[in-house]
Amino acid sequence: MKNHFIYMLVLFLGTVACAQKQRVDDVPLTSNTNYTYEVIVSELTNPWGLEVLPDGSMLITEKSGELIHFKNGKKTLVANVPEVVSRGQGGLLDIRLHPDYESNGWIYFTYSSPEGEEDGAMTALMRAKLVNNTLIKKELLYKGSPNTRKGQHFGSRVRFDKNGDLFFSIGERGERDANPQDITRDGGKIYRLYDDGSVPKDNPFVRKADAKEAIYSYGHRNPQGIAVHPETGKIWIHEHGPRGGDEINIPESGKNYGWPVISYGVNYSGTSFTDITKKEGMEQPLYYWVPSIAPSGMAFAYETGDKHLDGNLLIGSLKFEYLELDILKEGRVVAREKLLEDIGRVRNVINHNGTIYVGVEGKGIVKLIKK
């Protein structure tokens, strides 16, 4: 009887251990071949950011530092772009129009800036106006610090929420153990500003000793996707994990998202850097990927006229070279589909008035089309 009890106890503990290791939120990935694409802008190297102007022309950032105005089938380089350090993952990054662009003309973009006393670069946010394919009235709204010569984890995406507040991301710049958990340092954060670069008084760390008051949430690794939920108005992000542990999060004011104290990933070498995935005071991701898909670009599908797409989330995969459709139900990922398989490294995806545009490295800007 005693041996039977011990056997049953060992079996139970083994079952619990296996259950803890199993990903309870894992969602199988299927292929959906009902979609294809049309090339809109060809021969681009790394189309990091994309915006569509009111006249239908496009502004496209190349990571190398070029800002392209694509109009009537012709690419024109925009002049007076700020100095960009194109190193590793740094360069000219995201671009976004002001919600009232037609009345004020402001364009916002992030880039790796060498400004500052230290050698190297750090992510910066600037706004400017476009006149005769030249940037004028440039205003530096935020510059992370300190600079570093490291080439990884600059972020960065820019989005306005429904209230007109400006959110942008800066990755932790390869300073895993220094930046993301420290609110007195830039890096590994989501930031919130007013459109003129001033800090909202209700930001969570305003008047905190030595804190970077623009910080909205912290404990992030390298967020390269931001989108605004069309119904709730909430900001959603995704961020790169290391080897495994890419995450979708819905950042909330003042919350800590755990990196690198908690993670579902391991070092690129396969070794462990943390043995915990949960900790009190640190937020769990809405969804995480193992293995990593290397997500970049993020958009909600809505007003597309396609019932299968609308209400769901589109995310680019750099690693596996497809566009991922995440089917949502009650705010959770319940199904995943590969669209545009083997198209190339998907760097960006946007929804412009119901049309889905995708930026693909080495290919250009393509439009998603249902067959």
Protein backbone atom coordinates (compact mmCIF):
# COMPACT_ATOMS: atom_id res chain seq x y z
CA MET A 1 0.00 0.00 0.00
CA LYS A 2 2.83 2.34 0.91
CA ASN A 3 4.66 1.62 -2.38
CA HIS A 4 1.45 2.23 -4.32
CA PHE A 5 1.02 5.60 -2.60
CA ILE A 6 4.59 6.62 -3.43
CA TYR A 7 4.10 5.52 -7.05
CA MET A 8 0.91 7.57 -7.38
CA LEU A 9 2.57 10.61 -5.77
CA VAL A 10 5.52 10.43 -8.16
CA LEU A 11 3.13 10.05 -11.11
CA PHE A 12 1.11 13.06 -9.95
CA LEU A 13 4.18 15.26 -9.45
CA GLY A 14 5.49 14.23 -12.86
CA THR A 15 2.17 15.14 -14.44
CA VAL A 16 2.19 18.57 -12.74
CA ALA A 17 5.76 19.22 -13.90
CA CYS A 18 4.85 18.37 -17.49
CA ALA A 19 1.76 20.55 -17.31
CA GLN A 20 3.86 23.48 -16.10
CA LYS A 21 6.24 23.08 -19.05
CA GLN A 22 3.45 22.84 -21.61
CA ARG A 23 2.48 26.09 -23.27
CA VAL A 24 -1.15 26.49 -22.32
CA ASP A 25 -1.53 29.39 -24.77
CA ASP A 26 0.20 27.68 -27.71
CA VAL A 27 -1.80 28.01 -30.93
CA PRO A 28 -1.01 25.86 -33.99
CA LEU A 29 0.08 27.61 -37.17
CA THR A 30 -1.73 26.73 -40.40
CA SER A 31 -1.26 27.84 -44.00
CA ASN A 32 -3.79 30.03 -45.79
CA THR A 33 -3.20 30.18 -49.54
CA ASN A 34 -6.25 32.33 -50.31
CA TYR A 35 -4.18 35.51 -50.49
CA THR A 36 -1.59 36.85 -52.89
CA TYR A 37 0.00 40.25 -53.50
CA GLU A 38 0.63 42.99 -56.00
CA VAL A 39 3.95 44.84 -56.02
CA ILE A 40 3.31 48.57 -55.61
CA VAL A 41 6.88 49.84 -55.11
CA SER A 42 9.72 47.63 -56.31
CA GLU A 43 13.47 47.50 -55.72
CA LEU A 44 13.67 48.49 -52.06
CA THR A 45 16.34 47.11 -49.75
CA ASN A 46 14.87 47.45 -46.26
CA PRO A 47 11.57 49.38 -46.28
CA TRP A 48 11.33 49.94 -42.54
CA GLY A 49 8.51 52.48 -42.37
CA LEU A 50 5.63 53.43 -44.64
CA GLU A 51 2.97 56.12 -44.65
CA VAL A 52 0.40 57.04 -47.29
CA LEU A 53 -0.11 60.75 -47.88
CA PRO A 54 -3.57 62.23 -48.53
CA ASP A 55 -2.89 62.38 -52.28
CA GLY A 56 -2.17 58.64 -52.35
CA SER A 57 1.60 58.98 -52.68
CA MET A 58 3.85 57.21 -50.19
CA LEU A 59 6.67 58.06 -47.81
CA ILE A 60 9.01 55.11 -47.33
CA THR A 61 11.99 54.91 -44.99
CA GLU A 62 14.99 52.84 -46.02
CA LYS A 63 16.99 51.70 -43.01
CA SER A 64 20.15 52.97 -44.71
CA GLY A 65 18.93 56.53 -44.12
CA GLU A 66 17.01 57.42 -47.27
CA LEU A 67 13.48 58.82 -47.14
CA ILE A 68 11.68 58.08 -50.40
CA HIS A 69 8.65 59.90 -51.77
CA PHE A 70 6.89 57.55 -54.19
CA LYS A 71 4.43 59.37 -56.43
CA ASN A 72 3.02 58.58 -59.87
CA GLY A 73 5.28 55.57 -60.19
CA LYS A 74 8.46 57.55 -59.48
CA LYS A 75 10.79 57.43 -56.47
CA THR A 76 12.27 60.73 -55.31
CA LEU A 77 14.74 61.08 -52.44
CA VAL A 78 13.62 63.57 -49.81
CA ALA A 79 16.30 66.12 -48.90
CA ASN A 80 17.43 67.36 -45.49
CA VAL A 81 16.89 64.06 -43.66
CA PRO A 82 18.71 64.09 -40.29
CA GLU A 83 22.02 62.29 -39.90
CA VAL A 84 21.43 58.59 -39.35
CA VAL A 85 23.83 55.96 -38.02
CA SER A 86 23.08 52.87 -40.11
CA ARG A 87 24.68 50.20 -37.95
CA GLY A 88 23.32 46.73 -37.22
CA GLN A 89 19.61 47.18 -36.55
CA GLY A 90 19.84 50.96 -36.48
CA GLY A 91 19.00 53.40 -39.22
CA LEU A 92 16.03 55.42 -40.43
CA LEU A 93 13.16 53.56 -38.84
CA ASP A 94 9.43 54.26 -38.56
CA ILE A 95 7.36 57.13 -39.94
CA ARG A 96 3.88 58.40 -39.06
CA LEU A 97 1.65 61.31 -40.06
CA HIS A 98 0.02 63.48 -37.44
CA PRO A 99 -3.70 62.61 -37.14
CA ASP A 100 -4.43 66.17 -38.34
CA TYR A 101 -1.75 66.11 -41.01
CA GLU A 102 -3.91 67.79 -43.63
CA SER A 103 -4.21 70.87 -41.43
CA ASN A 104 -0.77 70.99 -39.75
CA GLY A 105 1.59 69.01 -42.05
CA TRP A 106 3.59 67.32 -39.27
CA ILE A 107 5.43 64.07 -40.03
CA TYR A 108 7.04 62.03 -37.22
CA PHE A 109 9.87 59.53 -37.54
CA THR A 110 12.36 57.60 -35.44
CA TYR A 111 15.99 56.96 -36.29
CA SER A 112 19.37 56.06 -34.80
CA SER A 113 20.94 59.41 -33.98
CA PRO A 114 24.60 60.15 -33.23
CA GLU A 115 23.74 63.35 -31.35
CA GLY A 116 25.16 63.46 -27.83
CA GLU A 117 28.51 63.48 -26.10
CA GLU A 118 29.09 59.73 -26.21
CA ASP A 119 30.28 57.90 -29.31
CA GLY A 120 27.77 55.72 -31.13
CA ALA A 121 24.02 56.23 -31.46
CA MET A 122 20.67 56.00 -29.74
CA THR A 123 17.07 56.13 -30.94
CA ALA A 124 15.58 59.58 -31.47
CA LEU A 125 12.15 60.94 -32.37
CA MET A 126 11.82 63.92 -34.70
CA ARG A 127 9.03 65.76 -36.45
CA ALA A 128 9.25 67.86 -39.61
CA LYS A 129 7.21 69.12 -42.55
CA LEU A 130 7.57 68.14 -46.19
CA VAL A 131 7.78 70.91 -48.78
CA ASN A 132 9.02 70.30 -52.34
CA ASN A 133 10.47 66.95 -51.28
CA THR A 134 12.54 68.61 -48.57
CA LEU A 135 12.15 68.29 -44.80
CA ILE A 136 11.76 71.68 -43.14
CA LYS A 137 11.04 72.90 -39.60
CA LYS A 138 12.74 69.85 -38.10
CA GLU A 139 12.17 69.50 -34.35
CA LEU A 140 13.94 66.89 -32.23
CA LEU A 141 11.27 65.77 -29.76
CA TYR A 142 13.13 63.04 -27.89
CA LYS A 143 16.63 61.62 -27.91
CA GLY A 144 17.45 58.53 -25.88
CA SER A 145 20.73 58.36 -24.00
CA PRO A 146 23.45 57.38 -23.60
CA ASN A 147 24.79 56.57 -27.05
CA THR A 148 26.45 53.22 -27.56
CA ARG A 149 28.32 51.65 -30.45
CA LYS A 150 26.30 48.47 -30.07
CA GLY A 151 24.23 47.71 -33.14
CA GLN A 152 21.21 45.97 -31.71
CA HIS A 153 17.76 46.78 -30.36
CA PHE A 154 16.91 50.34 -31.39
CA GLY A 155 13.17 49.53 -31.70
CA SER A 156 11.29 51.44 -33.10
CA ARG A 157 7.71 52.17 -34.07
CA VAL A 158 5.56 55.31 -33.77
CA ARG A 159 1.78 55.49 -33.36
CA PHE A 160 -0.83 58.01 -32.25
CA ASP A 161 -3.68 56.70 -30.12
CA LYS A 162 -7.28 57.82 -30.44
CA ASN A 163 -6.67 60.69 -28.01
CA GLY A 164 -3.86 62.05 -30.17
CA ASP A 165 -1.13 60.97 -27.74
CA LEU A 166 2.14 59.86 -29.32
CA PHE A 167 3.58 56.45 -28.43
CA PHE A 168 6.95 55.17 -29.58
CA SER A 169 9.38 52.43 -28.64
CA ILE A 170 13.10 52.18 -27.94
CA GLY A 171 14.74 48.77 -27.59
CA GLU A 172 17.13 48.04 -24.75
CA ARG A 173 20.16 48.56 -27.05
CA GLY A 174 21.86 45.31 -26.08
CA GLU A 175 22.13 46.48 -22.47
CA ARG A 176 19.94 43.69 -21.13
CA ASP A 177 20.93 43.95 -17.49
CA ALA A 178 21.14 47.75 -17.30
CA ASN A 179 18.35 49.44 -19.22
CA PRO A 180 14.93 47.73 -19.33
CA GLN A 181 14.32 47.52 -15.56
CA ASP A 182 15.71 50.97 -14.75
CA ILE A 183 13.32 53.90 -15.20
CA THR A 184 16.22 56.37 -14.85
CA ARG A 185 17.68 55.04 -18.12
CA ASP A 186 16.41 55.01 -21.67
CA GLY A 187 16.00 51.74 -23.54
CA GLY A 188 13.61 48.83 -23.25
CA LYS A 189 10.65 51.16 -22.88
CA ILE A 190 7.41 52.39 -24.44
CA TYR A 191 7.21 56.18 -24.33
CA ARG A 192 4.24 58.54 -24.38
CA LEU A 193 4.36 62.21 -25.33
CA TYR A 194 2.05 64.92 -26.55
CA ASP A 195 2.38 65.72 -30.25
CA ASP A 196 4.72 68.66 -29.54
CA GLY A 197 7.11 66.47 -27.55
CA SER A 198 5.99 67.63 -24.11
CA VAL A 199 5.42 65.05 -21.37
CA PRO A 200 1.84 64.41 -20.22
CA LYS A 201 1.45 65.26 -16.55
CA ASP A 202 -0.29 61.92 -15.92
CA ASN A 203 2.62 59.85 -17.22
CA PRO A 204 3.42 57.28 -14.52
CA PHE A 205 6.92 58.46 -13.59
CA VAL A 206 6.45 62.21 -13.65
CA ARG A 207 8.18 63.76 -10.63
CA LYS A 208 9.84 60.45 -9.74
CA ALA A 209 13.46 60.96 -8.73
CA ASP A 210 15.75 60.90 -11.77
CA ALA A 211 13.15 59.02 -13.84
CA LYS A 212 12.77 59.48 -17.58
CA GLU A 213 9.34 61.09 -17.40
CA ALA A 214 8.38 60.16 -20.97
CA ILE A 215 8.31 56.45 -20.03
CA TYR A 216 4.89 54.83 -20.21
CA SER A 217 5.84 51.17 -19.59
CA TYR A 218 9.13 49.33 -19.09
CA GLY A 219 10.75 45.91 -19.01
CA HIS A 220 10.63 45.51 -22.79
CA ARG A 221 13.31 43.98 -25.02
CA ASN A 222 13.00 45.27 -28.59
CA PRO A 223 9.50 46.38 -29.65
CA GLN A 224 9.23 46.60 -33.45
CA GLY A 225 5.46 46.59 -33.70
CA ILE A 226 2.82 49.01 -32.38
CA ALA A 227 -0.84 49.12 -33.35
CA VAL A 228 -3.99 50.75 -32.00
CA HIS A 229 -6.96 48.48 -31.45
CA PRO A 230 -9.77 49.89 -33.62
CA GLU A 231 -12.49 49.25 -31.00
CA THR A 232 -10.86 49.60 -27.58
CA GLY A 233 -8.37 52.26 -28.66
CA LYS A 234 -5.67 50.51 -26.63
CA ILE A 235 -2.06 50.36 -27.75
CA TRP A 236 -0.83 46.85 -28.59
CA ILE A 237 2.82 46.02 -29.15
CA HIS A 238 4.98 43.08 -30.01
CA GLU A 239 8.62 42.65 -29.17
CA HIS A 240 11.48 40.37 -30.08
CA GLY A 241 12.50 37.78 -27.55
CA PRO A 242 15.94 36.17 -27.69
CA ARG A 243 15.79 32.55 -28.88
CA GLY A 244 12.08 32.03 -28.22
CA GLY A 245 9.84 34.31 -26.24
CA ASP A 246 8.71 36.92 -28.78
CA GLU A 247 5.69 38.57 -27.14
CA ILE A 248 2.46 40.44 -27.77
CA ASN A 249 1.69 42.88 -24.96
CA ILE A 250 -0.92 45.53 -24.24
CA PRO A 251 1.16 48.09 -22.33
CA GLU A 252 -0.47 49.87 -19.44
CA SER A 253 0.73 52.96 -17.64
CA GLY A 254 3.58 52.24 -15.24
CA LYS A 255 3.52 48.47 -15.72
CA ASN A 256 6.64 46.29 -15.86
CA TYR A 257 6.75 43.66 -18.64
CA GLY A 258 9.54 41.68 -17.11
CA TRP A 259 12.53 41.62 -19.44
CA PRO A 260 15.02 40.14 -18.62
CA VAL A 261 13.89 38.94 -15.20
CA ILE A 262 11.16 36.77 -16.70
CA SER A 263 11.08 35.36 -20.21
CA TYR A 264 9.90 32.39 -22.25
CA GLY A 265 13.14 32.46 -24.25
CA VAL A 266 16.77 31.43 -23.83
CA ASN A 267 20.07 32.83 -25.03
CA TYR A 268 20.89 32.42 -28.72
CA SER A 269 23.47 29.82 -27.67
CA GLY A 270 20.71 27.77 -26.06
CA THR A 271 21.84 28.50 -22.50
CA SER A 272 19.46 29.90 -19.90
CA PHE A 273 19.63 33.45 -18.53
CA THR A 274 16.59 33.18 -16.24
CA ASP A 275 14.78 30.23 -14.73
CA ILE A 276 11.44 31.98 -14.18
CA THR A 277 8.60 32.94 -16.50
CA LYS A 278 6.37 34.63 -13.92
CA LYS A 279 6.95 37.02 -11.06
CA GLU A 280 4.71 39.19 -8.93
CA GLY A 281 4.66 42.77 -10.17
CA MET A 282 5.56 41.78 -13.72
CA GLU A 283 3.02 41.40 -16.51
CA GLN A 284 2.42 38.25 -18.53
CA PRO A 285 2.29 38.57 -22.33
CA LEU A 286 -1.01 38.29 -24.11
CA TYR A 287 0.72 35.77 -26.38
CA TYR A 288 4.25 34.51 -26.91
CA TRP A 289 6.00 32.55 -29.64
CA VAL A 290 8.31 29.58 -29.22
CA PRO A 291 10.22 29.30 -31.50
CA SER A 292 10.66 32.98 -32.29
CA ILE A 293 9.20 34.27 -35.54
CA ALA A 294 11.21 37.54 -35.28
CA PRO A 295 8.16 39.85 -35.52
CA SER A 296 8.34 43.23 -37.24
CA GLY A 297 5.45 45.45 -38.23
CA MET A 298 1.94 45.17 -36.83
CA ALA A 299 -1.53 46.25 -37.92
CA PHE A 300 -5.13 45.48 -37.10
CA ALA A 301 -7.26 44.51 -40.06
CA TYR A 302 -10.50 46.49 -40.21
CA GLU A 303 -12.66 48.07 -42.89
CA THR A 304 -10.99 45.79 -45.45
CA GLY A 305 -14.29 44.27 -46.58
CA ASP A 306 -12.83 40.82 -45.87
CA LYS A 307 -14.67 39.13 -43.01
CA HIS A 308 -11.83 36.69 -42.46
CA LEU A 309 -9.32 39.48 -41.91
CA ASP A 310 -11.37 42.13 -40.15
CA GLY A 311 -11.02 42.26 -36.37
CA ASN A 312 -7.76 40.34 -36.40
CA LEU A 313 -4.06 41.10 -36.21
CA LEU A 314 -1.40 41.08 -38.93
CA ILE A 315 2.27 40.68 -38.01
CA GLY A 316 5.35 40.27 -40.19
CA SER A 317 7.84 37.45 -39.67
CA LEU A 318 11.44 38.23 -40.51
CA LYS A 319 12.74 34.77 -39.63
CA PHE A 320 10.20 32.61 -41.47
CA GLU A 321 9.37 35.08 -44.25
CA TYR A 322 5.59 35.24 -44.14
CA LEU A 323 2.78 37.50 -42.99
CA GLU A 324 1.06 36.12 -39.90
CA LEU A 325 -2.67 36.51 -39.34
CA ASP A 326 -3.59 36.11 -35.68
CA ILE A 327 -7.28 35.37 -35.22
CA LEU A 328 -8.58 37.06 -32.06
CA LYS A 329 -11.47 36.13 -29.83
CA GLU A 330 -12.23 38.10 -26.70
CA GLY A 331 -8.79 39.65 -26.89
CA ARG A 332 -6.90 36.35 -27.15
CA VAL A 333 -5.07 34.67 -30.01
CA VAL A 334 -7.12 31.58 -30.89
CA ALA A 335 -5.74 30.73 -34.34
CA ARG A 336 -2.68 31.58 -36.45
CA GLU A 337 -2.32 31.54 -40.22
CA LYS A 338 0.60 31.99 -42.59
CA LEU A 339 -0.21 34.37 -45.43
CA LEU A 340 2.16 35.11 -48.33
CA GLU A 341 4.47 32.21 -47.50
CA ASP A 342 8.09 32.59 -48.58
CA ILE A 343 7.54 36.17 -49.74
CA GLY A 344 10.74 37.31 -47.99
CA ARG A 345 11.60 38.99 -44.71
CA VAL A 346 8.49 40.96 -43.79
CA ARG A 347 9.62 44.20 -42.19
CA ASN A 348 6.42 46.20 -41.94
CA VAL A 349 2.66 46.03 -42.37
CA ILE A 350 0.13 48.87 -42.27
CA ASN A 351 -3.58 49.30 -42.81
CA HIS A 352 -4.42 52.39 -44.85
CA ASN A 353 -8.18 52.93 -45.13
CA GLY A 354 -8.78 49.18 -45.37
CA THR A 355 -5.91 48.42 -47.77
CA ILE A 356 -3.13 46.28 -46.32
CA TYR A 357 0.39 47.20 -47.42
CA VAL A 358 3.38 45.04 -46.56
CA GLY A 359 7.06 46.05 -46.65
CA VAL A 360 9.35 43.19 -47.68
CA GLU A 361 13.13 43.36 -47.55
CA GLY A 362 14.72 43.08 -50.99
CA LYS A 363 11.35 43.29 -52.73
CA GLY A 364 9.51 46.49 -51.86
CA ILE A 365 5.98 47.48 -50.89
CA VAL A 366 3.23 45.04 -51.80
CA LYS A 367 -0.55 45.14 -51.45
CA LEU A 368 -2.38 42.17 -49.93
CA ILE A 369 -5.00 40.75 -52.29
CA LYS A 370 -7.53 37.99 -51.82
CA LYS A 371 -7.53 35.50 -54.69
